[in-house]
Amino acid sequence: MRAMKFKPGSSSPKPSAYKQKQRAWTMAGLRSLKAPMVILYLASLMFGIQSLSFEPLQHLETFSGCMSITRAEWEAKRAAVPMDVVLSEDHDILSDVGYANMLHQVLRLRPGSGKFTAPVCSSWVFLSRGSTGRTSERPLGRRELKSVEDANIMVARIIILLLLCESRKVWWTLEQPVNSLLERHPLFQAFLRFPSIHVRRLTTSMGWFGGKTRKPTWVYSSARVAAMSNKGQKALRIPYANLLTFLGRPFLFVSKGFD
């Protein structure tokens, strides 16, 4: 069989009109936020990979665990993707491949869609502060320990994902146990200082949604939410899997304020 001659550029498909539109939308959104140039460059590189599909996505759940949120989205006939290291090594946010994968999935989210994330909390809760050395004044803790520094890097990478969500008008939520020090991470604090980014911290309990324990929980969100009385919220007792679909989006929680 005679080999075909290669002509430079002949095998590279032209970027689709949809991809070009999404790239322009993302770049404009990041510039509007006054995001660091390195994030614009990172997003541009992802859109520049010709082989990647940017088929629209309606929900992304990272650190998905048993995929409760994703299953609820699937039941509602929405295109949703779960990501967790228990599902694939390519979902590891601390690896180059895993993080590139997450960036790609976030850039698939169409405006008005959602992202739910529940990053590993073990390094940020009070039970581990004796070993991590984390305090409100020293939130990065003992950085010489690999497990502590890995958790710091994880949060930094999550903040970049949230900036991309904000640039694309994607509503997002982040879950942590009450009194987690994750919100004290310097990059989380920097994220809160963006003038056009408004974050609400809401307090709820996983026990109200079918959890085995009460587990007081903070949910950070870009969504506009309605406060409810404790009595009314406790009476709901709806399944955890229905958190995002109950009464439509955005979901309702008891607001405790955030500063």
Protein backbone atom coordinates (compact mmCIF):
# COMPACT_ATOMS: atom_id res chain seq x y z
CA MET A 1 0.00 0.00 0.00
CA ARG A 2 1.42 3.37 -1.00
CA ALA A 3 1.85 5.80 1.91
CA MET A 4 -0.12 9.01 1.71
CA LYS A 5 1.89 12.20 1.65
CA PHE A 6 1.44 14.46 4.65
CA LYS A 7 0.58 18.07 4.00
CA PRO A 8 1.06 20.44 6.95
CA GLY A 9 -2.28 21.39 8.38
CA SER A 10 -4.26 19.04 6.14
CA SER A 11 -5.14 16.62 8.95
CA SER A 12 -6.19 19.28 11.47
CA PRO A 13 -9.94 19.85 11.41
CA LYS A 14 -11.13 23.42 11.58
CA PRO A 15 -12.49 24.32 15.01
CA SER A 16 -16.27 24.16 15.07
CA ALA A 17 -18.29 27.33 15.18
CA TYR A 18 -19.65 26.21 18.56
CA LYS A 19 -16.17 25.75 20.02
CA GLN A 20 -15.09 29.16 18.72
CA LYS A 21 -18.18 30.74 20.27
CA GLN A 22 -17.53 29.06 23.62
CA ARG A 23 -13.89 30.10 23.56
CA ALA A 24 -14.84 33.72 22.87
CA TRP A 25 -17.49 33.60 25.62
CA THR A 26 -15.01 32.19 28.15
CA MET A 27 -12.25 34.68 27.29
CA ALA A 28 -14.67 37.60 27.55
CA GLY A 29 -15.96 36.32 30.87
CA LEU A 30 -12.46 35.91 32.33
CA ARG A 31 -11.46 39.40 31.17
CA SER A 32 -14.63 40.81 32.71
CA LEU A 33 -13.72 39.17 36.02
CA LYS A 34 -10.16 40.52 35.71
CA ALA A 35 -8.89 36.98 36.18
CA PRO A 36 -5.11 36.37 36.11
CA MET A 37 -3.76 36.09 32.56
CA VAL A 38 -2.41 32.61 33.27
CA ILE A 39 -6.00 31.35 33.58
CA LEU A 40 -6.95 32.87 30.22
CA TYR A 41 -3.89 31.20 28.72
CA LEU A 42 -4.84 27.87 30.32
CA ALA A 43 -8.39 28.03 28.97
CA SER A 44 -7.14 29.04 25.52
CA LEU A 45 -4.80 26.05 25.44
CA MET A 46 -7.70 23.70 26.24
CA PHE A 47 -9.85 25.12 23.45
CA GLY A 48 -6.86 24.81 21.12
CA ILE A 49 -6.76 21.00 21.41
CA GLN A 50 -8.49 20.02 18.18
CA SER A 51 -9.34 16.46 19.24
CA LEU A 52 -11.36 17.52 22.28
CA SER A 53 -15.12 17.54 22.04
CA PHE A 54 -16.95 20.47 23.59
CA GLU A 55 -20.41 18.97 23.41
CA PRO A 56 -22.59 20.94 25.86
CA LEU A 57 -22.84 19.62 29.41
CA GLN A 58 -25.55 20.52 31.93
CA HIS A 59 -23.93 19.43 35.19
CA LEU A 60 -20.54 18.41 36.52
CA GLU A 61 -20.05 16.74 39.91
CA THR A 62 -16.44 16.55 41.09
CA PHE A 63 -15.44 14.42 44.10
CA SER A 64 -18.70 12.69 43.31
CA GLY A 65 -18.32 9.63 45.57
CA CYS A 66 -21.54 7.63 45.20
CA MET A 67 -22.75 10.12 42.54
CA SER A 68 -25.96 11.14 44.35
CA ILE A 69 -26.14 14.49 42.57
CA THR A 70 -25.28 13.06 39.17
CA ARG A 71 -27.91 10.30 39.51
CA ALA A 72 -30.52 12.93 40.32
CA GLU A 73 -29.48 14.86 37.21
CA TRP A 74 -29.69 11.72 35.08
CA GLU A 75 -33.16 11.00 36.43
CA ALA A 76 -34.12 14.51 35.33
CA LYS A 77 -32.82 13.66 31.81
CA ARG A 78 -29.93 16.16 32.00
CA ALA A 79 -26.45 15.59 30.62
CA ALA A 80 -24.23 15.20 33.69
CA VAL A 81 -20.71 13.89 34.33
CA PRO A 82 -19.38 12.55 37.66
CA MET A 83 -15.66 12.70 38.46
CA ASP A 84 -13.91 10.91 41.31
CA VAL A 85 -10.71 8.90 41.75
CA VAL A 86 -12.83 5.88 42.70
CA LEU A 87 -14.23 5.99 39.16
CA SER A 88 -10.96 6.55 37.29
CA GLU A 89 -7.33 7.51 37.90
CA ASP A 90 -7.89 10.11 35.18
CA HIS A 91 -10.16 11.97 37.61
CA ASP A 92 -7.38 12.77 40.10
CA ILE A 93 -7.28 16.55 40.48
CA LEU A 94 -3.68 16.33 41.75
CA SER A 95 -2.41 14.66 38.57
CA ASP A 96 -1.69 16.52 35.33
CA VAL A 97 -4.04 14.29 33.32
CA GLY A 98 -6.79 14.39 35.94
CA TYR A 99 -6.72 18.16 36.25
CA ALA A 100 -6.66 18.67 32.49
CA ASN A 101 -9.69 16.38 32.33
CA MET A 102 -11.53 18.52 34.90
CA LEU A 103 -10.66 21.72 33.06
CA HIS A 104 -12.07 20.23 29.87
CA GLN A 105 -15.33 19.19 31.54
CA VAL A 106 -15.81 22.62 33.12
CA LEU A 107 -15.32 24.26 29.72
CA ARG A 108 -18.09 22.02 28.36
CA LEU A 109 -20.61 23.43 30.84
CA ARG A 110 -23.03 25.68 29.04
CA PRO A 111 -24.20 28.98 30.57
CA GLY A 112 -26.85 28.39 33.22
CA SER A 113 -25.68 24.86 33.98
CA GLY A 114 -24.31 23.71 37.35
CA LYS A 115 -21.22 22.36 39.09
CA PHE A 116 -21.20 20.64 42.48
CA THR A 117 -17.97 19.87 44.33
CA ALA A 118 -17.23 18.37 47.74
CA PRO A 119 -13.42 18.38 48.08
CA VAL A 120 -11.71 16.06 50.54
CA CYS A 121 -12.23 17.66 53.96
CA SER A 122 -10.01 15.51 56.22
CA SER A 123 -7.11 17.99 56.13
CA TRP A 124 -9.32 21.00 56.96
CA VAL A 125 -11.50 19.84 59.88
CA PHE A 126 -10.71 20.34 63.55
CA LEU A 127 -9.98 16.64 64.18
CA SER A 128 -6.79 16.82 62.12
CA ARG A 129 -5.46 20.19 63.26
CA GLY A 130 -3.00 18.60 65.67
CA SER A 131 -1.21 16.91 62.78
CA THR A 132 -1.80 19.42 59.97
CA GLY A 133 -0.93 22.49 62.04
CA ARG A 134 -3.72 24.47 60.41
CA THR A 135 -5.22 27.44 62.26
CA SER A 136 -7.34 30.40 61.16
CA GLU A 137 -4.16 32.51 61.18
CA ARG A 138 -2.03 29.82 59.51
CA PRO A 139 -4.48 27.98 57.22
CA LEU A 140 -1.83 26.38 54.98
CA GLY A 141 -0.48 24.46 57.98
CA ARG A 142 2.61 22.29 57.93
CA ARG A 143 3.46 22.54 54.26
CA GLU A 144 6.47 20.26 54.62
CA LEU A 145 4.00 17.37 54.98
CA LYS A 146 2.93 15.96 51.61
CA SER A 147 -0.66 15.32 52.66
CA VAL A 148 -1.03 18.93 53.86
CA GLU A 149 0.54 20.44 50.74
CA ASP A 150 -1.53 18.16 48.49
CA ALA A 151 -4.69 19.51 50.15
CA ASN A 152 -3.45 23.08 49.64
CA ILE A 153 -2.82 22.41 45.93
CA MET A 154 -6.22 20.74 45.60
CA VAL A 155 -8.01 23.88 46.84
CA ALA A 156 -5.91 26.13 44.58
CA ARG A 157 -6.90 24.06 41.55
CA ILE A 158 -10.56 24.09 42.61
CA ILE A 159 -10.50 27.90 42.76
CA ILE A 160 -9.34 28.01 39.13
CA LEU A 161 -12.27 25.75 38.19
CA LEU A 162 -14.66 28.06 40.04
CA LEU A 163 -13.25 31.10 38.21
CA LEU A 164 -13.94 29.33 34.93
CA CYS A 165 -17.49 28.60 36.13
CA GLU A 166 -18.00 32.27 36.97
CA SER A 167 -16.67 33.32 33.58
CA ARG A 168 -19.17 31.03 31.82
CA LYS A 169 -22.19 31.99 33.98
CA VAL A 170 -22.30 28.51 35.51
CA TRP A 171 -23.74 28.33 39.01
CA TRP A 172 -21.63 26.29 41.41
CA THR A 173 -21.74 24.88 44.92
CA LEU A 174 -18.95 23.72 47.21
CA GLU A 175 -19.59 21.60 50.30
CA GLN A 176 -17.56 21.38 53.51
CA PRO A 177 -18.25 20.37 57.12
CA VAL A 178 -19.05 23.25 59.48
CA ASN A 179 -15.85 24.83 60.88
CA SER A 180 -13.68 23.59 58.01
CA LEU A 181 -10.70 25.90 57.49
CA LEU A 182 -10.83 25.52 53.72
CA GLU A 183 -12.40 28.96 53.39
CA ARG A 184 -9.27 30.43 55.00
CA HIS A 185 -7.05 29.27 52.14
CA PRO A 186 -5.39 32.43 50.71
CA LEU A 187 -6.65 31.74 47.19
CA PHE A 188 -10.21 31.17 48.44
CA GLN A 189 -9.98 34.54 50.19
CA ALA A 190 -8.61 36.11 47.00
CA PHE A 191 -11.52 34.57 45.08
CA LEU A 192 -13.99 36.21 47.48
CA ARG A 193 -12.40 39.61 46.83
CA PHE A 194 -13.22 39.65 43.10
CA PRO A 195 -15.67 42.60 42.84
CA SER A 196 -18.11 40.83 40.51
CA ILE A 197 -18.12 37.49 42.36
CA HIS A 198 -20.73 37.06 45.08
CA VAL A 199 -20.53 33.97 47.26
CA ARG A 200 -23.09 32.87 49.84
CA ARG A 201 -22.31 30.46 52.66
CA LEU A 202 -25.31 28.48 53.81
CA THR A 203 -25.64 26.14 56.75
CA THR A 204 -27.54 22.88 56.56
CA SER A 205 -27.41 19.38 57.98
CA MET A 206 -26.96 16.18 56.02
CA GLY A 207 -29.25 14.48 58.55
CA TRP A 208 -32.15 16.48 57.12
CA PHE A 209 -31.56 14.87 53.75
CA GLY A 210 -31.33 11.22 54.71
CA GLY A 211 -27.79 11.20 56.13
CA LYS A 212 -26.96 8.70 58.89
CA THR A 213 -25.68 11.49 61.17
CA ARG A 214 -26.59 15.16 61.62
CA LYS A 215 -23.28 16.36 60.07
CA PRO A 216 -23.67 20.16 60.08
CA THR A 217 -22.48 21.36 56.69
CA TRP A 218 -21.52 24.59 54.99
CA VAL A 219 -22.51 25.00 51.36
CA TYR A 220 -20.86 27.83 49.45
CA SER A 221 -22.72 28.88 46.36
CA SER A 222 -22.94 31.44 43.58
CA ALA A 223 -26.68 30.77 43.30
CA ARG A 224 -29.33 33.06 44.72
CA VAL A 225 -31.07 31.17 47.51
CA ALA A 226 -34.07 31.69 49.74
CA ALA A 227 -33.73 31.41 53.50
CA MET A 228 -36.15 29.15 55.33
CA SER A 229 -36.88 28.72 59.01
CA ASN A 230 -35.18 25.85 60.84
CA LYS A 231 -38.57 24.33 61.59
CA GLY A 232 -39.66 24.45 57.98
CA GLN A 233 -36.35 23.12 56.69
CA LYS A 234 -36.24 20.18 59.11
CA ALA A 235 -39.76 19.20 58.17
CA LEU A 236 -38.76 18.68 54.55
CA ARG A 237 -36.51 15.64 55.11
CA ILE A 238 -36.08 15.08 51.40
CA PRO A 239 -33.57 12.52 50.06
CA TYR A 240 -30.01 13.78 49.65
CA ALA A 241 -30.04 12.76 45.99
CA ASN A 242 -32.77 15.33 45.39
CA LEU A 243 -30.86 18.29 46.82
CA LEU A 244 -30.36 19.96 43.47
CA THR A 245 -33.66 19.07 41.89
CA PHE A 246 -35.99 19.82 44.81
CA LEU A 247 -38.25 22.70 43.77
CA GLY A 248 -35.93 23.27 40.82
CA ARG A 249 -32.68 25.19 40.90
CA PRO A 250 -31.38 26.87 42.94
CA PHE A 251 -32.08 24.67 45.94
CA LEU A 252 -33.06 26.02 49.33
CA PHE A 253 -31.06 26.04 52.55
CA VAL A 254 -31.08 27.88 55.84
CA SER A 255 -28.86 30.93 55.46
CA LYS A 256 -26.50 31.78 58.31
CA GLY A 257 -24.66 34.54 56.47
CA PHE A 258 -21.06 34.72 55.31
CA ASP A 259 -18.31 37.23 55.95
